[in-house]
N, C-alpha and C. Protein backbone atom coordinates (compact mmCIF):
# COMPACT_ATOMS: atom_id res chain seq x y z
N MET A 1 35.34 -3.68 5.38
CA MET A 1 34.33 -4.73 5.15
C MET A 1 32.92 -4.16 5.33
N ILE A 2 32.74 -3.38 6.44
CA ILE A 2 31.44 -2.79 6.71
C ILE A 2 31.04 -1.84 5.60
N ARG A 3 32.03 -1.01 5.17
CA ARG A 3 31.75 -0.05 4.11
C ARG A 3 31.37 -0.78 2.83
N GLY A 4 32.02 -1.92 2.57
CA GLY A 4 31.71 -2.70 1.38
C GLY A 4 30.30 -3.22 1.41
N LYS A 5 29.83 -3.65 2.58
CA LYS A 5 28.47 -4.16 2.72
C LYS A 5 27.45 -3.04 2.53
N VAL A 6 27.79 -1.87 3.06
CA VAL A 6 26.90 -0.72 2.92
C VAL A 6 26.77 -0.33 1.45
N ALA A 7 27.91 -0.31 0.75
CA ALA A 7 27.91 0.02 -0.67
C ALA A 7 27.11 -1.00 -1.47
N MET A 8 27.27 -2.26 -1.13
CA MET A 8 26.54 -3.32 -1.81
C MET A 8 25.03 -3.15 -1.60
N LYS A 9 24.66 -2.85 -0.36
CA LYS A 9 23.25 -2.66 -0.03
C LYS A 9 22.66 -1.49 -0.82
N GLU A 10 23.40 -0.37 -0.86
CA GLU A 10 22.93 0.80 -1.60
C GLU A 10 22.78 0.49 -3.08
N GLU A 11 23.72 -0.29 -3.61
CA GLU A 11 23.68 -0.66 -5.03
C GLU A 11 22.45 -1.52 -5.33
N ILE A 12 22.14 -2.44 -4.44
CA ILE A 12 20.98 -3.32 -4.63
C ILE A 12 19.67 -2.54 -4.54
N LEU A 13 19.57 -1.65 -3.56
CA LEU A 13 18.36 -0.85 -3.41
C LEU A 13 18.15 0.07 -4.61
N LYS A 14 19.25 0.67 -5.08
CA LYS A 14 19.16 1.52 -6.29
C LYS A 14 18.79 0.68 -7.50
N GLY A 15 19.33 -0.53 -7.55
CA GLY A 15 19.03 -1.43 -8.65
C GLY A 15 17.56 -1.81 -8.69
N LEU A 16 16.98 -2.07 -7.51
CA LEU A 16 15.55 -2.39 -7.43
C LEU A 16 14.70 -1.20 -7.90
N ALA A 17 15.07 -0.02 -7.43
CA ALA A 17 14.33 1.19 -7.82
C ALA A 17 14.39 1.40 -9.32
N GLN A 18 15.59 1.25 -9.90
CA GLN A 18 15.76 1.48 -11.33
C GLN A 18 15.04 0.41 -12.16
N ALA A 19 15.02 -0.82 -11.65
CA ALA A 19 14.32 -1.90 -12.34
C ALA A 19 12.83 -1.58 -12.46
N VAL A 20 12.28 -1.03 -11.38
CA VAL A 20 10.87 -0.63 -11.40
C VAL A 20 10.66 0.54 -12.34
N ILE A 21 11.53 1.53 -12.29
CA ILE A 21 11.42 2.69 -13.18
C ILE A 21 11.48 2.27 -14.65
N ASP A 22 12.37 1.33 -14.94
CA ASP A 22 12.54 0.87 -16.33
C ASP A 22 11.52 -0.18 -16.74
N GLY A 23 10.79 -0.72 -15.76
CA GLY A 23 9.85 -1.79 -16.07
C GLY A 23 10.58 -3.05 -16.53
N ASP A 24 11.74 -3.28 -15.95
CA ASP A 24 12.61 -4.40 -16.36
C ASP A 24 12.41 -5.59 -15.42
N LEU A 25 11.70 -6.61 -15.89
CA LEU A 25 11.40 -7.77 -15.06
C LEU A 25 12.65 -8.56 -14.69
N ASP A 26 13.57 -8.71 -15.65
CA ASP A 26 14.79 -9.46 -15.39
C ASP A 26 15.62 -8.81 -14.28
N LYS A 27 15.76 -7.49 -14.36
CA LYS A 27 16.52 -6.77 -13.33
C LYS A 27 15.79 -6.81 -11.98
N ALA A 28 14.48 -6.76 -12.03
CA ALA A 28 13.71 -6.84 -10.78
C ALA A 28 13.97 -8.18 -10.10
N GLN A 29 14.00 -9.25 -10.87
CA GLN A 29 14.29 -10.57 -10.32
C GLN A 29 15.73 -10.64 -9.81
N HIS A 30 16.65 -10.11 -10.62
CA HIS A 30 18.07 -10.16 -10.27
C HIS A 30 18.35 -9.46 -8.94
N PHE A 31 17.86 -8.22 -8.82
CA PHE A 31 18.17 -7.46 -7.60
C PHE A 31 17.37 -7.95 -6.39
N SER A 32 16.22 -8.58 -6.64
CA SER A 32 15.49 -9.21 -5.54
C SER A 32 16.29 -10.39 -5.00
N LYS A 33 16.85 -11.18 -5.90
CA LYS A 33 17.69 -12.31 -5.50
C LYS A 33 18.93 -11.83 -4.74
N GLU A 34 19.50 -10.72 -5.22
CA GLU A 34 20.67 -10.15 -4.56
C GLU A 34 20.32 -9.66 -3.15
N ALA A 35 19.15 -9.05 -3.02
CA ALA A 35 18.71 -8.57 -1.71
C ALA A 35 18.56 -9.73 -0.74
N ILE A 36 17.98 -10.82 -1.22
CA ILE A 36 17.78 -12.01 -0.38
C ILE A 36 19.13 -12.63 -0.02
N ALA A 37 19.99 -12.76 -1.02
CA ALA A 37 21.30 -13.38 -0.81
C ALA A 37 22.15 -12.59 0.17
N ASN A 38 22.01 -11.26 0.14
CA ASN A 38 22.81 -10.40 1.03
C ASN A 38 22.09 -10.08 2.34
N LYS A 39 20.97 -10.81 2.57
CA LYS A 39 20.23 -10.68 3.82
C LYS A 39 19.78 -9.24 4.12
N ILE A 40 19.40 -8.52 3.07
CA ILE A 40 18.83 -7.19 3.25
C ILE A 40 17.38 -7.37 3.72
N ASP A 41 17.00 -6.63 4.73
CA ASP A 41 15.64 -6.73 5.25
C ASP A 41 14.63 -6.53 4.12
N ALA A 42 13.70 -7.47 3.99
CA ALA A 42 12.76 -7.45 2.87
C ALA A 42 11.88 -6.21 2.87
N TYR A 43 11.47 -5.78 4.06
CA TYR A 43 10.66 -4.57 4.18
C TYR A 43 11.42 -3.36 3.63
N GLU A 44 12.69 -3.27 4.01
CA GLU A 44 13.53 -2.15 3.54
C GLU A 44 13.74 -2.23 2.04
N ALA A 45 13.93 -3.45 1.53
CA ALA A 45 14.14 -3.63 0.08
C ALA A 45 12.92 -3.15 -0.70
N ILE A 46 11.74 -3.45 -0.16
CA ILE A 46 10.51 -3.03 -0.84
C ILE A 46 10.32 -1.52 -0.75
N MET A 47 10.48 -0.97 0.45
CA MET A 47 10.19 0.45 0.64
C MET A 47 11.28 1.36 0.08
N GLU A 48 12.55 0.99 0.30
CA GLU A 48 13.67 1.84 -0.14
C GLU A 48 14.10 1.52 -1.58
N GLY A 49 13.59 0.42 -2.10
CA GLY A 49 13.91 0.04 -3.48
C GLY A 49 12.70 0.17 -4.38
N CYS A 50 11.81 -0.81 -4.31
CA CYS A 50 10.63 -0.86 -5.18
C CYS A 50 9.75 0.37 -5.06
N ALA A 51 9.37 0.71 -3.83
CA ALA A 51 8.44 1.82 -3.61
C ALA A 51 9.03 3.15 -4.07
N LYS A 52 10.32 3.35 -3.84
CA LYS A 52 10.96 4.60 -4.29
C LYS A 52 10.91 4.71 -5.80
N GLY A 53 11.18 3.59 -6.47
CA GLY A 53 11.12 3.58 -7.93
C GLY A 53 9.72 3.88 -8.43
N MET A 54 8.72 3.27 -7.78
CA MET A 54 7.33 3.48 -8.19
C MET A 54 6.88 4.90 -7.93
N ASN A 55 7.38 5.51 -6.87
CA ASN A 55 7.04 6.91 -6.58
C ASN A 55 7.53 7.82 -7.70
N ILE A 56 8.73 7.53 -8.21
CA ILE A 56 9.28 8.32 -9.31
C ILE A 56 8.43 8.15 -10.56
N VAL A 57 8.01 6.92 -10.83
CA VAL A 57 7.15 6.65 -11.99
C VAL A 57 5.83 7.40 -11.85
N SER A 58 5.26 7.38 -10.66
CA SER A 58 3.99 8.08 -10.41
C SER A 58 4.13 9.58 -10.65
N GLN A 59 5.25 10.14 -10.20
CA GLN A 59 5.50 11.57 -10.40
C GLN A 59 5.63 11.90 -11.89
N LYS A 60 6.32 11.03 -12.61
CA LYS A 60 6.48 11.24 -14.06
C LYS A 60 5.14 11.15 -14.79
N TYR A 61 4.29 10.24 -14.32
CA TYR A 61 2.97 10.08 -14.93
C TYR A 61 2.14 11.34 -14.71
N GLU A 62 2.21 11.86 -13.48
CA GLU A 62 1.43 13.06 -13.15
C GLU A 62 1.88 14.28 -13.94
N THR A 63 3.17 14.34 -14.28
CA THR A 63 3.69 15.49 -15.03
C THR A 63 3.70 15.25 -16.54
N GLY A 64 3.18 14.10 -16.97
CA GLY A 64 3.09 13.80 -18.40
C GLY A 64 4.38 13.33 -19.03
N GLU A 65 5.37 12.93 -18.19
CA GLU A 65 6.65 12.45 -18.73
C GLU A 65 6.59 10.98 -19.13
N CYS A 66 5.59 10.25 -18.63
CA CYS A 66 5.38 8.87 -19.07
C CYS A 66 3.88 8.60 -19.09
N PHE A 67 3.51 7.49 -19.72
CA PHE A 67 2.09 7.23 -19.94
C PHE A 67 1.70 5.86 -19.40
N VAL A 68 0.41 5.52 -19.52
CA VAL A 68 -0.13 4.31 -18.92
C VAL A 68 0.67 3.04 -19.25
N PRO A 69 1.09 2.81 -20.51
CA PRO A 69 1.84 1.58 -20.79
C PRO A 69 3.13 1.46 -19.96
N GLU A 70 3.84 2.60 -19.80
CA GLU A 70 5.06 2.58 -18.99
C GLU A 70 4.75 2.32 -17.52
N VAL A 71 3.65 2.91 -17.04
CA VAL A 71 3.26 2.70 -15.64
C VAL A 71 2.92 1.23 -15.40
N LEU A 72 2.24 0.63 -16.34
CA LEU A 72 1.87 -0.78 -16.21
C LEU A 72 3.09 -1.69 -16.21
N CYS A 73 4.08 -1.36 -17.04
CA CYS A 73 5.33 -2.14 -17.07
C CYS A 73 6.06 -2.01 -15.73
N SER A 74 6.08 -0.79 -15.20
CA SER A 74 6.73 -0.56 -13.91
C SER A 74 6.00 -1.31 -12.79
N ALA A 75 4.68 -1.30 -12.87
CA ALA A 75 3.89 -2.01 -11.86
C ALA A 75 4.16 -3.51 -11.91
N GLU A 76 4.32 -4.04 -13.12
CA GLU A 76 4.61 -5.47 -13.27
C GLU A 76 5.98 -5.81 -12.69
N ALA A 77 6.95 -4.93 -12.93
CA ALA A 77 8.29 -5.15 -12.38
C ALA A 77 8.25 -5.09 -10.85
N MET A 78 7.50 -4.14 -10.32
CA MET A 78 7.39 -4.01 -8.87
C MET A 78 6.72 -5.24 -8.27
N THR A 79 5.67 -5.72 -8.92
CA THR A 79 4.98 -6.92 -8.43
C THR A 79 5.89 -8.13 -8.45
N THR A 80 6.70 -8.24 -9.50
CA THR A 80 7.66 -9.34 -9.61
C THR A 80 8.62 -9.34 -8.43
N ALA A 81 9.15 -8.16 -8.12
CA ALA A 81 10.09 -8.05 -7.01
C ALA A 81 9.40 -8.31 -5.67
N MET A 82 8.21 -7.76 -5.51
CA MET A 82 7.48 -7.93 -4.26
C MET A 82 7.13 -9.39 -4.01
N ASP A 83 6.75 -10.10 -5.07
CA ASP A 83 6.40 -11.52 -4.93
C ASP A 83 7.59 -12.34 -4.45
N MET A 84 8.78 -11.95 -4.88
CA MET A 84 9.99 -12.66 -4.47
C MET A 84 10.39 -12.30 -3.04
N LEU A 85 10.17 -11.06 -2.66
CA LEU A 85 10.60 -10.59 -1.35
C LEU A 85 9.58 -10.88 -0.23
N LYS A 86 8.32 -10.99 -0.61
CA LYS A 86 7.25 -11.16 0.38
C LYS A 86 7.48 -12.32 1.36
N PRO A 87 7.93 -13.49 0.89
CA PRO A 87 8.13 -14.60 1.84
C PRO A 87 9.18 -14.32 2.92
N TYR A 88 10.01 -13.30 2.69
CA TYR A 88 11.09 -12.98 3.64
C TYR A 88 10.72 -11.84 4.58
N LEU A 89 9.49 -11.31 4.45
CA LEU A 89 9.06 -10.27 5.37
C LEU A 89 8.88 -10.85 6.77
N LYS A 90 9.32 -10.10 7.75
CA LYS A 90 9.19 -10.54 9.14
C LYS A 90 7.89 -9.98 9.71
N ALA A 91 6.91 -10.84 9.81
CA ALA A 91 5.61 -10.41 10.32
C ALA A 91 5.70 -10.06 11.80
N ASP A 92 5.03 -8.99 12.17
CA ASP A 92 4.97 -8.56 13.56
C ASP A 92 3.84 -9.30 14.26
N THR A 93 4.19 -10.20 15.16
CA THR A 93 3.18 -11.00 15.83
C THR A 93 3.01 -10.60 17.30
N THR A 94 3.47 -9.42 17.64
CA THR A 94 3.41 -8.99 19.04
C THR A 94 1.99 -8.59 19.45
N ASN A 95 1.16 -8.22 18.48
CA ASN A 95 -0.20 -7.81 18.80
C ASN A 95 -1.21 -8.85 18.31
N VAL A 96 -2.40 -8.81 18.90
CA VAL A 96 -3.48 -9.67 18.42
C VAL A 96 -3.83 -9.22 17.01
N PRO A 97 -3.89 -10.14 16.04
CA PRO A 97 -4.15 -9.76 14.65
C PRO A 97 -5.45 -8.97 14.50
N LYS A 98 -5.38 -7.90 13.74
CA LYS A 98 -6.56 -7.09 13.44
C LYS A 98 -6.94 -7.33 11.97
N LYS A 99 -8.22 -7.22 11.68
CA LYS A 99 -8.70 -7.42 10.31
C LYS A 99 -8.87 -6.08 9.60
N VAL A 100 -8.36 -6.03 8.38
CA VAL A 100 -8.49 -4.82 7.56
C VAL A 100 -9.20 -5.17 6.26
N VAL A 101 -10.27 -4.45 5.96
CA VAL A 101 -10.92 -4.54 4.65
C VAL A 101 -10.40 -3.36 3.84
N ILE A 102 -9.83 -3.64 2.68
CA ILE A 102 -9.23 -2.57 1.87
C ILE A 102 -9.69 -2.67 0.42
N GLY A 103 -9.81 -1.53 -0.23
CA GLY A 103 -10.20 -1.53 -1.64
C GLY A 103 -10.06 -0.14 -2.23
N THR A 104 -10.08 -0.09 -3.55
CA THR A 104 -10.08 1.18 -4.26
C THR A 104 -11.54 1.56 -4.51
N THR A 105 -11.88 2.80 -4.29
CA THR A 105 -13.28 3.21 -4.33
C THR A 105 -13.89 3.16 -5.73
N GLN A 106 -15.21 3.17 -5.75
CA GLN A 106 -16.00 3.02 -6.97
C GLN A 106 -15.55 3.94 -8.10
N GLY A 107 -15.36 3.33 -9.28
CA GLY A 107 -14.96 4.10 -10.45
C GLY A 107 -13.47 4.23 -10.65
N ASP A 108 -12.68 3.71 -9.71
CA ASP A 108 -11.22 3.82 -9.78
C ASP A 108 -10.60 2.42 -9.90
N VAL A 109 -9.83 2.21 -10.97
CA VAL A 109 -9.25 0.89 -11.21
C VAL A 109 -7.76 0.82 -10.83
N HIS A 110 -7.23 1.90 -10.25
CA HIS A 110 -5.82 1.92 -9.86
C HIS A 110 -5.60 1.05 -8.62
N GLU A 111 -4.57 0.21 -8.67
CA GLU A 111 -4.33 -0.72 -7.57
C GLU A 111 -2.90 -0.70 -7.03
N ILE A 112 -2.00 -0.01 -7.70
CA ILE A 112 -0.58 -0.09 -7.33
C ILE A 112 -0.36 0.31 -5.87
N GLY A 113 -0.84 1.49 -5.52
CA GLY A 113 -0.65 1.96 -4.14
C GLY A 113 -1.35 1.07 -3.14
N LYS A 114 -2.57 0.69 -3.45
CA LYS A 114 -3.35 -0.18 -2.56
C LYS A 114 -2.65 -1.51 -2.34
N ASN A 115 -2.11 -2.08 -3.39
CA ASN A 115 -1.43 -3.37 -3.27
C ASN A 115 -0.20 -3.28 -2.38
N LEU A 116 0.50 -2.16 -2.46
CA LEU A 116 1.68 -1.97 -1.63
C LEU A 116 1.28 -1.80 -0.16
N VAL A 117 0.19 -1.06 0.07
CA VAL A 117 -0.32 -0.90 1.43
C VAL A 117 -0.75 -2.26 1.99
N THR A 118 -1.41 -3.06 1.16
CA THR A 118 -1.84 -4.40 1.56
C THR A 118 -0.65 -5.25 2.01
N LEU A 119 0.40 -5.23 1.22
CA LEU A 119 1.59 -6.00 1.55
C LEU A 119 2.21 -5.55 2.86
N MET A 120 2.29 -4.24 3.07
CA MET A 120 2.88 -3.70 4.29
C MET A 120 2.03 -4.03 5.52
N LEU A 121 0.71 -3.98 5.36
CA LEU A 121 -0.18 -4.32 6.47
C LEU A 121 -0.03 -5.78 6.86
N GLU A 122 0.07 -6.65 5.86
CA GLU A 122 0.27 -8.08 6.13
C GLU A 122 1.59 -8.31 6.86
N ALA A 123 2.61 -7.58 6.43
CA ALA A 123 3.92 -7.69 7.09
C ALA A 123 3.85 -7.18 8.52
N GLY A 124 2.94 -6.25 8.75
CA GLY A 124 2.79 -5.68 10.09
C GLY A 124 1.90 -6.51 11.00
N GLY A 125 1.47 -7.67 10.53
CA GLY A 125 0.70 -8.58 11.36
C GLY A 125 -0.81 -8.48 11.23
N PHE A 126 -1.28 -7.68 10.28
CA PHE A 126 -2.72 -7.55 10.07
C PHE A 126 -3.23 -8.64 9.12
N LYS A 127 -4.49 -9.03 9.29
CA LYS A 127 -5.14 -9.92 8.32
C LYS A 127 -5.89 -9.02 7.36
N VAL A 128 -5.55 -9.08 6.07
CA VAL A 128 -6.10 -8.14 5.10
C VAL A 128 -7.06 -8.84 4.14
N ILE A 129 -8.24 -8.26 3.99
CA ILE A 129 -9.21 -8.71 2.99
C ILE A 129 -9.22 -7.67 1.89
N ASP A 130 -8.60 -7.99 0.76
CA ASP A 130 -8.46 -7.04 -0.34
C ASP A 130 -9.62 -7.19 -1.32
N LEU A 131 -10.43 -6.16 -1.44
CA LEU A 131 -11.60 -6.20 -2.33
C LEU A 131 -11.26 -5.81 -3.76
N GLY A 132 -10.02 -5.36 -3.98
CA GLY A 132 -9.62 -5.00 -5.35
C GLY A 132 -10.00 -3.59 -5.73
N PRO A 133 -10.12 -3.32 -7.03
CA PRO A 133 -10.46 -1.98 -7.50
C PRO A 133 -11.97 -1.80 -7.69
N ASP A 134 -12.40 -0.55 -7.89
CA ASP A 134 -13.77 -0.22 -8.26
C ASP A 134 -14.79 -0.85 -7.30
N VAL A 135 -14.62 -0.59 -6.01
CA VAL A 135 -15.47 -1.22 -4.99
C VAL A 135 -16.62 -0.28 -4.59
N SER A 136 -17.81 -0.80 -4.63
CA SER A 136 -19.00 0.00 -4.30
C SER A 136 -19.11 0.24 -2.79
N VAL A 137 -19.91 1.22 -2.44
CA VAL A 137 -20.18 1.52 -1.04
C VAL A 137 -20.74 0.28 -0.35
N GLU A 138 -21.70 -0.35 -1.03
CA GLU A 138 -22.37 -1.52 -0.47
C GLU A 138 -21.40 -2.67 -0.20
N LYS A 139 -20.45 -2.87 -1.11
CA LYS A 139 -19.48 -3.97 -0.95
C LYS A 139 -18.57 -3.73 0.25
N PHE A 140 -18.13 -2.50 0.43
CA PHE A 140 -17.31 -2.18 1.60
C PHE A 140 -18.07 -2.52 2.89
N VAL A 141 -19.29 -2.01 2.99
CA VAL A 141 -20.08 -2.20 4.20
C VAL A 141 -20.39 -3.67 4.44
N GLU A 142 -20.81 -4.36 3.39
CA GLU A 142 -21.14 -5.78 3.48
C GLU A 142 -19.96 -6.60 4.01
N THR A 143 -18.76 -6.31 3.49
CA THR A 143 -17.57 -7.07 3.88
C THR A 143 -17.12 -6.73 5.29
N VAL A 144 -17.19 -5.47 5.65
CA VAL A 144 -16.83 -5.06 7.02
C VAL A 144 -17.70 -5.80 8.02
N LYS A 145 -19.00 -5.89 7.74
CA LYS A 145 -19.92 -6.58 8.65
C LYS A 145 -19.65 -8.09 8.66
N LYS A 146 -19.49 -8.67 7.48
CA LYS A 146 -19.27 -10.10 7.36
C LYS A 146 -17.99 -10.55 8.05
N GLU A 147 -16.92 -9.77 7.88
CA GLU A 147 -15.61 -10.13 8.43
C GLU A 147 -15.40 -9.60 9.84
N ASN A 148 -16.36 -8.80 10.33
CA ASN A 148 -16.20 -8.15 11.63
C ASN A 148 -14.86 -7.41 11.68
N ALA A 149 -14.63 -6.61 10.65
CA ALA A 149 -13.33 -5.95 10.45
C ALA A 149 -13.08 -4.85 11.49
N ASP A 150 -11.81 -4.69 11.82
CA ASP A 150 -11.39 -3.63 12.74
C ASP A 150 -11.14 -2.33 11.99
N ILE A 151 -10.72 -2.45 10.72
CA ILE A 151 -10.39 -1.28 9.91
C ILE A 151 -11.03 -1.40 8.53
N CYS A 152 -11.53 -0.28 8.03
CA CYS A 152 -11.97 -0.18 6.64
C CYS A 152 -11.07 0.86 5.98
N ALA A 153 -10.24 0.40 5.03
CA ALA A 153 -9.27 1.29 4.37
C ALA A 153 -9.66 1.52 2.92
N MET A 154 -9.70 2.77 2.52
CA MET A 154 -10.11 3.15 1.17
C MET A 154 -9.00 3.89 0.44
N SER A 155 -8.83 3.56 -0.83
CA SER A 155 -7.81 4.21 -1.64
C SER A 155 -8.45 4.82 -2.88
N SER A 156 -7.92 5.95 -3.33
CA SER A 156 -8.39 6.56 -4.57
C SER A 156 -7.31 7.45 -5.16
N LEU A 157 -7.17 7.36 -6.48
CA LEU A 157 -6.24 8.23 -7.18
C LEU A 157 -6.98 9.18 -8.12
N MET A 158 -8.30 9.19 -8.00
CA MET A 158 -9.11 10.03 -8.89
C MET A 158 -10.09 10.88 -8.07
N THR A 159 -10.21 12.16 -8.44
CA THR A 159 -11.14 13.04 -7.74
C THR A 159 -12.58 12.60 -7.97
N THR A 160 -12.83 11.90 -9.08
CA THR A 160 -14.19 11.46 -9.38
C THR A 160 -14.60 10.22 -8.59
N SER A 161 -13.62 9.55 -7.98
CA SER A 161 -13.95 8.36 -7.18
C SER A 161 -13.77 8.59 -5.68
N MET A 162 -12.95 9.56 -5.32
CA MET A 162 -12.75 9.82 -3.89
C MET A 162 -14.00 10.40 -3.24
N ILE A 163 -14.92 10.91 -4.08
CA ILE A 163 -16.15 11.51 -3.54
C ILE A 163 -17.06 10.47 -2.89
N PHE A 164 -16.80 9.18 -3.14
CA PHE A 164 -17.60 8.13 -2.53
C PHE A 164 -17.15 7.82 -1.10
N MET A 165 -15.97 8.30 -0.73
CA MET A 165 -15.44 7.98 0.59
C MET A 165 -16.33 8.43 1.75
N PRO A 166 -16.90 9.65 1.73
CA PRO A 166 -17.77 10.05 2.83
C PRO A 166 -18.96 9.11 3.00
N ASP A 167 -19.52 8.64 1.87
CA ASP A 167 -20.65 7.72 1.92
C ASP A 167 -20.24 6.39 2.54
N ILE A 168 -19.06 5.91 2.16
CA ILE A 168 -18.56 4.64 2.71
C ILE A 168 -18.34 4.77 4.22
N ILE A 169 -17.69 5.85 4.61
CA ILE A 169 -17.39 6.08 6.03
C ILE A 169 -18.68 6.16 6.85
N LYS A 170 -19.64 6.92 6.35
CA LYS A 170 -20.92 7.07 7.06
C LYS A 170 -21.65 5.73 7.19
N ALA A 171 -21.66 4.97 6.09
CA ALA A 171 -22.36 3.68 6.08
C ALA A 171 -21.68 2.66 6.97
N VAL A 172 -20.35 2.65 6.96
CA VAL A 172 -19.59 1.71 7.79
C VAL A 172 -19.80 2.03 9.27
N LYS A 173 -19.77 3.31 9.61
CA LYS A 173 -19.96 3.72 11.00
C LYS A 173 -21.37 3.39 11.49
N ALA A 174 -22.35 3.46 10.58
CA ALA A 174 -23.73 3.14 10.95
C ALA A 174 -23.89 1.64 11.18
N ALA A 175 -23.18 0.86 10.35
CA ALA A 175 -23.30 -0.59 10.43
C ALA A 175 -22.46 -1.18 11.56
N LYS A 176 -21.28 -0.60 11.79
CA LYS A 176 -20.35 -1.12 12.81
C LYS A 176 -19.56 0.07 13.36
N PRO A 177 -20.12 0.75 14.35
CA PRO A 177 -19.56 2.01 14.87
C PRO A 177 -18.11 1.96 15.33
N ASP A 178 -17.65 0.80 15.80
CA ASP A 178 -16.29 0.74 16.33
C ASP A 178 -15.23 0.51 15.25
N THR A 179 -15.64 0.44 13.99
CA THR A 179 -14.68 0.23 12.90
C THR A 179 -13.87 1.49 12.64
N VAL A 180 -12.55 1.33 12.54
CA VAL A 180 -11.66 2.45 12.22
C VAL A 180 -11.67 2.65 10.70
N THR A 181 -11.78 3.89 10.27
CA THR A 181 -11.76 4.19 8.83
C THR A 181 -10.49 4.93 8.46
N MET A 182 -9.85 4.46 7.39
CA MET A 182 -8.61 5.08 6.90
C MET A 182 -8.74 5.38 5.42
N VAL A 183 -8.17 6.49 4.98
CA VAL A 183 -8.18 6.84 3.56
C VAL A 183 -6.78 7.21 3.10
N GLY A 184 -6.55 7.09 1.80
CA GLY A 184 -5.27 7.45 1.23
C GLY A 184 -5.36 7.52 -0.29
N GLY A 185 -4.36 8.14 -0.90
CA GLY A 185 -4.35 8.28 -2.36
C GLY A 185 -3.90 9.66 -2.76
N GLY A 186 -3.43 9.77 -3.99
CA GLY A 186 -2.85 11.00 -4.52
C GLY A 186 -3.62 12.28 -4.28
N PRO A 187 -4.93 12.33 -4.58
CA PRO A 187 -5.66 13.60 -4.46
C PRO A 187 -6.07 13.97 -3.05
N LEU A 188 -5.84 13.06 -2.09
CA LEU A 188 -6.28 13.31 -0.72
C LEU A 188 -5.21 14.01 0.12
N SER A 189 -5.65 14.55 1.24
CA SER A 189 -4.76 15.22 2.19
C SER A 189 -5.34 15.02 3.58
N PRO A 190 -4.57 15.35 4.63
CA PRO A 190 -5.11 15.22 5.98
C PRO A 190 -6.40 16.01 6.18
N SER A 191 -6.47 17.19 5.59
CA SER A 191 -7.67 18.01 5.76
C SER A 191 -8.87 17.40 5.04
N THR A 192 -8.62 16.79 3.86
CA THR A 192 -9.69 16.12 3.12
C THR A 192 -10.22 14.95 3.94
N ALA A 193 -9.29 14.18 4.50
CA ALA A 193 -9.67 13.02 5.32
C ALA A 193 -10.53 13.46 6.50
N GLU A 194 -10.14 14.56 7.12
CA GLU A 194 -10.89 15.08 8.26
C GLU A 194 -12.29 15.52 7.83
N THR A 195 -12.36 16.20 6.69
CA THR A 195 -13.64 16.66 6.16
C THR A 195 -14.56 15.48 5.86
N TYR A 196 -13.97 14.40 5.35
CA TYR A 196 -14.75 13.20 5.00
C TYR A 196 -15.20 12.42 6.23
N GLY A 197 -14.60 12.71 7.39
CA GLY A 197 -14.97 12.01 8.61
C GLY A 197 -14.15 10.77 8.88
N ALA A 198 -13.03 10.61 8.17
CA ALA A 198 -12.16 9.44 8.37
C ALA A 198 -11.41 9.54 9.69
N ASP A 199 -11.13 8.39 10.29
CA ASP A 199 -10.37 8.37 11.54
C ASP A 199 -8.88 8.62 11.29
N GLY A 200 -8.41 8.25 10.09
CA GLY A 200 -6.99 8.41 9.81
C GLY A 200 -6.69 8.57 8.34
N TYR A 201 -5.48 9.08 8.07
CA TYR A 201 -5.01 9.31 6.70
C TYR A 201 -3.57 8.83 6.60
N ALA A 202 -3.26 8.11 5.54
CA ALA A 202 -1.89 7.67 5.30
C ALA A 202 -1.47 8.15 3.91
N LYS A 203 -0.41 8.94 3.86
CA LYS A 203 0.01 9.50 2.57
C LYS A 203 0.60 8.45 1.65
N ASP A 204 1.16 7.37 2.22
CA ASP A 204 1.71 6.29 1.39
C ASP A 204 1.84 5.03 2.22
N ALA A 205 2.29 3.96 1.56
CA ALA A 205 2.37 2.65 2.21
C ALA A 205 3.33 2.64 3.39
N SER A 206 4.35 3.48 3.33
CA SER A 206 5.38 3.46 4.37
C SER A 206 4.84 3.86 5.74
N VAL A 207 3.78 4.65 5.76
CA VAL A 207 3.23 5.10 7.05
C VAL A 207 1.89 4.43 7.37
N ALA A 208 1.33 3.67 6.44
CA ALA A 208 0.00 3.08 6.63
C ALA A 208 -0.04 2.15 7.84
N VAL A 209 0.99 1.34 8.01
CA VAL A 209 1.01 0.39 9.12
C VAL A 209 1.05 1.13 10.45
N LYS A 210 1.88 2.15 10.52
CA LYS A 210 2.00 2.94 11.76
C LYS A 210 0.66 3.57 12.12
N VAL A 211 0.00 4.16 11.13
CA VAL A 211 -1.29 4.81 11.36
C VAL A 211 -2.33 3.77 11.80
N ALA A 212 -2.34 2.63 11.13
CA ALA A 212 -3.30 1.57 11.46
C ALA A 212 -3.11 1.07 12.88
N LYS A 213 -1.87 0.89 13.29
CA LYS A 213 -1.59 0.41 14.65
C LYS A 213 -1.96 1.46 15.69
N GLU A 214 -1.68 2.70 15.40
CA GLU A 214 -2.00 3.77 16.35
C GLU A 214 -3.51 3.88 16.54
N LEU A 215 -4.25 3.80 15.44
CA LEU A 215 -5.71 3.96 15.51
C LEU A 215 -6.37 2.79 16.22
N THR A 216 -5.91 1.57 15.94
CA THR A 216 -6.53 0.40 16.57
C THR A 216 -6.15 0.30 18.04
N SER A 217 -4.95 0.76 18.40
CA SER A 217 -4.53 0.69 19.81
C SER A 217 -5.39 1.59 20.68
N LYS A 218 -5.89 2.67 20.10
CA LYS A 218 -6.74 3.60 20.85
C LYS A 218 -8.11 2.98 21.13
N ARG A 219 -8.47 1.98 20.31
CA ARG A 219 -9.79 1.35 20.48
C ARG A 219 -9.73 0.16 21.43
N ASP A 220 -8.52 -0.35 21.72
CA ASP A 220 -8.40 -1.53 22.58
C ASP A 220 -8.66 -1.18 24.05
């Protein structure tokens, strides 16, 4: 019986991943329903199913095996699944809620990774203010001050837009010195984050919550 449940779980997670890879909305809905019906943890379904599929799509895009239309279809399938699974996420309420201002830096319209990080942060008990894509330095700083944010998180998938991160970090620190700054995105690395002056770096959504909690706990 236990082995049967494990096999079923693996089949559902693989199904979610493949639905995202194929950009198949019907399959994304089907396997999301199956995950809910079989009481699979929603966080695990998203990370081990949807996110894994999207990572494969991203790799194929980077190597020229697929193009923007396919990526957009995959993103739509992932969003469909995430929207169904999100109500079943178990929010962590053990800590006092922290505010996160998040956005994709100026000149970059990519949102897939950022949206996944946003979802995971919300599941982790954070209050997230999502500024969307193509966010100016001024908008980041203005919102951090207005919301009295604990964290300013920046995402970029383009080398031409990640160059704005040092300016954002410097401006945020000048306006609100105790704000934690986090960066992430394909072209970045821990060393880049350090060079930019960021407090933390998250390579993907799966570790973003852990990094955010570690950084804010040091400030408490």
